[in-house]
Amino acid sequence: NNSSADAGIVFKSDLIGDELQRADEVAIEPDLAGSIQNEIAVAKGSTNQALAKSFVDYVLSADGQAVFHRYRFE
């Protein structure tokens, strides 16, 4: 069974290296695209609540968000 596709849908953040140049970006109508949410929280069972909270605070900070944007998580 050899299958192939002419098109697919991926997140920009999943593309690396020359894949970015080989992929064409196509806008999807907002009412068709749906919503994607990434959640973050400190696990209740964490053995290091303070460190976990510090990580969450960093991710939500301007510096942390800059890292996400640098790697195309927009």
Protein backbone atom coordinates (compact mmCIF):
# COMPACT_ATOMS: atom_id res chain seq x y z
CA ASN A 1 0.00 0.00 0.00
CA ASN A 2 1.77 3.14 -1.23
CA SER A 3 -0.23 6.27 -0.49
CA SER A 4 0.63 9.89 -1.03
CA ALA A 5 -0.99 13.28 -0.70
CA ASP A 6 -0.75 16.52 -2.64
CA ALA A 7 -1.63 18.66 0.38
CA GLY A 8 -1.87 18.53 4.12
CA ILE A 9 -2.43 20.78 7.10
CA VAL A 10 0.33 21.33 9.62
CA PHE A 11 1.16 23.85 12.31
CA LYS A 12 3.90 26.33 11.31
CA SER A 13 5.70 25.39 14.51
CA ASP A 14 6.05 21.79 13.25
CA LEU A 15 8.08 22.85 10.22
CA ILE A 16 11.86 22.98 10.53
CA GLY A 17 14.76 23.85 8.25
CA ASP A 18 14.05 23.78 4.55
CA GLU A 19 10.50 22.56 5.18
CA LEU A 20 9.62 26.20 5.86
CA GLN A 21 10.62 27.13 2.30
CA ARG A 22 8.84 24.15 0.74
CA ALA A 23 5.51 24.81 2.43
CA ASP A 24 3.02 27.34 1.13
CA GLU A 25 1.01 29.23 3.69
CA VAL A 26 -2.70 29.45 2.94
CA ALA A 27 -5.07 31.46 5.07
CA ILE A 28 -8.05 29.55 6.42
CA GLU A 29 -11.29 31.41 7.02
CA PRO A 30 -11.58 32.02 10.78
CA ASP A 31 -15.05 30.44 10.96
CA LEU A 32 -13.60 27.24 9.42
CA ALA A 33 -10.35 27.15 11.37
CA GLY A 34 -11.71 26.58 14.86
CA SER A 35 -9.75 27.46 17.96
CA ILE A 36 -6.55 25.99 19.33
CA GLN A 37 -5.68 26.50 22.96
CA ASN A 38 -2.55 25.36 24.74
CA GLU A 39 -3.02 25.07 28.48
CA ILE A 40 -0.39 25.32 31.20
CA ALA A 41 -0.72 24.57 34.90
CA VAL A 42 1.14 23.25 37.90
CA ALA A 43 0.21 19.62 38.54
CA LYS A 44 -1.38 19.06 41.96
CA GLY A 45 0.95 16.13 42.57
CA SER A 46 4.11 18.04 41.69
CA THR A 47 6.91 17.36 44.16
CA ASN A 48 8.35 20.83 43.50
CA GLN A 49 5.44 23.26 43.38
CA ALA A 50 7.66 26.35 43.64
CA LEU A 51 9.84 25.37 40.66
CA ALA A 52 6.79 24.39 38.61
CA LYS A 53 5.13 27.74 39.41
CA SER A 54 8.33 29.56 38.42
CA PHE A 55 8.29 27.74 35.08
CA VAL A 56 4.65 28.66 34.44
CA ASP A 57 5.39 32.27 35.37
CA TYR A 58 8.33 32.32 32.94
CA VAL A 59 6.32 30.83 30.06
CA LEU A 60 3.63 33.47 30.57
CA SER A 61 6.14 36.33 30.87
CA ALA A 62 7.22 38.58 27.99
CA ASP A 63 10.58 36.75 27.81
CA GLY A 64 8.89 33.34 27.74
CA GLN A 65 6.41 34.43 25.09
CA ALA A 66 9.31 35.75 22.99
CA VAL A 67 10.78 32.23 22.98
CA PHE A 68 7.48 30.80 21.74
CA HIS A 69 7.25 33.42 18.99
CA ARG A 70 10.87 32.80 17.98
CA TYR A 71 9.95 29.16 17.33
CA ARG A 72 6.73 30.12 15.51
CA PHE A 73 4.19 29.18 18.23
CA GLU A 74 1.81 32.04 17.39
